[in-house]
Protein backbone atom coordinates (compact mmCIF):
# COMPACT_ATOMS: atom_id res chain seq x y z
CA UNK A 1 -12.99 5.86 37.21
CA UNK A 2 -9.74 7.80 36.67
CA UNK A 3 -7.82 4.61 35.91
CA UNK A 4 -10.30 3.69 33.16
CA UNK A 5 -10.15 7.16 31.60
CA UNK A 6 -6.34 7.19 31.74
CA UNK A 7 -6.09 3.64 30.38
CA UNK A 8 -8.17 4.66 27.37
CA UNK A 9 -6.02 7.73 26.82
CA UNK A 10 -2.83 5.66 26.97
CA UNK A 11 -4.24 3.15 24.48
CA UNK A 12 -5.08 6.09 22.21
CA UNK A 13 -1.52 7.53 22.34
CA UNK A 14 -0.70 7.80 18.65
CA UNK A 15 2.36 9.98 18.57
CA UNK A 16 5.95 9.12 17.83
CA UNK A 17 7.45 11.59 20.30
CA UNK A 18 10.69 10.49 21.89
CA UNK A 19 13.82 11.95 23.39
CA UNK A 20 13.89 15.72 23.84
CA UNK A 21 10.60 16.13 21.99
CA UNK A 22 8.82 13.86 24.49
CA UNK A 23 10.47 15.62 27.44
CA UNK A 24 9.40 19.02 26.08
CA UNK A 25 5.84 17.74 25.61
CA UNK A 26 5.74 16.38 29.17
CA UNK A 27 6.97 19.72 30.50
CA UNK A 28 4.28 21.60 28.57
CA UNK A 29 1.63 19.21 29.89
CA UNK A 30 2.97 19.61 33.44
CA UNK A 31 2.75 23.39 33.10
CA UNK A 32 -0.92 22.97 32.18
CA UNK A 33 -1.81 21.22 35.45
CA UNK A 34 -4.02 23.16 37.88
CA UNK A 35 -1.89 25.36 40.14
CA UNK A 36 -3.77 24.26 43.24
CA UNK A 37 -5.61 21.18 44.40
CA UNK A 38 -9.38 21.66 44.20
CA UNK A 39 -9.87 19.36 47.19
CA UNK A 40 -11.09 15.84 47.69
CA UNK A 41 -14.13 15.01 45.62
CA UNK A 42 -13.98 18.30 43.72
CA UNK A 43 -12.99 18.36 40.07
CA UNK A 44 -13.59 20.27 36.92
CA UNK A 45 -13.59 19.04 33.36
CA UNK A 46 -10.57 21.21 32.51
CA UNK A 47 -8.59 19.91 35.50
CA UNK A 48 -9.44 16.30 34.64
CA UNK A 49 -8.34 16.74 31.02
CA UNK A 50 -5.07 18.42 32.09
CA UNK A 51 -4.29 15.59 34.52
CA UNK A 52 -5.06 12.83 32.01
CA UNK A 53 -2.96 14.52 29.32
CA UNK A 54 -0.02 14.94 31.70
CA UNK A 55 -0.27 11.46 33.18
CA UNK A 56 -0.45 9.87 29.71
CA UNK A 57 2.68 11.74 28.66
CA UNK A 58 4.41 10.96 31.97
CA UNK A 59 3.66 7.24 31.55
CA UNK A 60 5.26 7.25 28.11
CA UNK A 61 8.30 9.18 29.32
CA UNK A 62 8.76 6.89 32.33
CA UNK A 63 8.54 3.85 30.07
CA UNK A 64 11.23 5.39 27.83
CA UNK A 65 13.44 5.63 30.92
CA UNK A 66 12.82 1.98 31.79
CA UNK A 67 10.61 2.74 34.79
CA UNK A 68 7.93 0.18 35.59
CA UNK A 69 4.66 2.01 34.99
CA UNK A 70 1.07 1.15 34.13
CA UNK A 71 -2.16 3.18 34.16
CA UNK A 72 -3.58 0.90 36.86
CA UNK A 73 -0.99 2.37 39.24
CA UNK A 74 -2.93 5.66 39.10
CA UNK A 75 -5.60 4.65 41.60
CA UNK A 76 -4.15 7.55 43.60
CA UNK A 77 -2.93 9.79 40.77
CA UNK A 78 -1.03 12.33 42.86
CA UNK A 79 0.97 9.61 44.63
CA UNK A 80 1.83 7.81 41.38
CA UNK A 81 2.74 11.11 39.68
CA UNK A 82 5.13 11.93 42.51
CA UNK A 83 6.64 8.42 42.37
CA UNK A 84 7.30 8.69 38.64
CA UNK A 85 8.67 12.23 38.88
CA UNK A 86 11.03 11.08 41.65
CA UNK A 87 12.14 8.04 39.65
CA UNK A 88 12.85 10.28 36.66
CA UNK A 89 14.77 12.73 38.85
CA UNK A 90 16.88 9.84 40.15
CA UNK A 91 17.73 9.08 36.53
CA UNK A 92 18.79 12.67 35.91
CA UNK A 93 15.58 14.24 34.59
CA UNK A 94 14.09 16.67 37.09
CA UNK A 95 10.71 17.75 35.74
CA UNK A 96 10.30 20.25 38.57
CA UNK A 97 13.46 22.12 37.57
CA UNK A 98 12.58 25.42 35.91
CA UNK A 99 15.56 25.23 33.57
CA UNK A 100 16.21 22.50 31.06
CA UNK A 101 18.84 22.51 28.38
CA UNK A 102 18.33 20.94 24.99
CA UNK A 103 19.95 17.54 25.01
CA UNK A 104 19.20 16.78 28.68
CA UNK A 105 17.59 13.60 27.41
CA UNK A 106 19.93 11.55 25.31
CA UNK A 107 19.14 8.10 24.10
CA UNK A 108 22.00 5.67 24.10
CA UNK A 109 23.35 5.40 20.61
CA UNK A 110 25.07 2.32 19.31
CA UNK A 111 28.60 2.90 18.14
CA UNK A 112 29.38 1.93 14.60
CA UNK A 113 32.64 0.04 13.94
C-alpha cells in the first residue's frame, strides 16, 4: 500500500525545486518526520503524510544526484530511506548533519569559452 501512495505522490510532484532549494526542502521534510517509530503495524495519518512527503522529496533529490531510485524500492521505507541517505552522504550531502551551509549543493556549470 505504501508504494502505491508514494508512487502517486511522486507522479504528482509539480515543483521546480532544484539545487539548494531542493536540499532545504528535503531537510524541512526530514525535520517533520515522527521523532520515534510507532511500531510495526501502528501508524497515524500525520505520520504517514510526513513520511510520504519526505520520501517524495528524497526521491527527487537522489535522482538529482544521479542515484538510482524508484518508488517501488520503498517496500520497506525505512531501509530505502537509509540507503538513499547513505548514498547522498557518500556524495557529500549528509542530511543527518545539523549544520548545512548555503551552497553545499552545487550543480555542475558548463564553462563558457
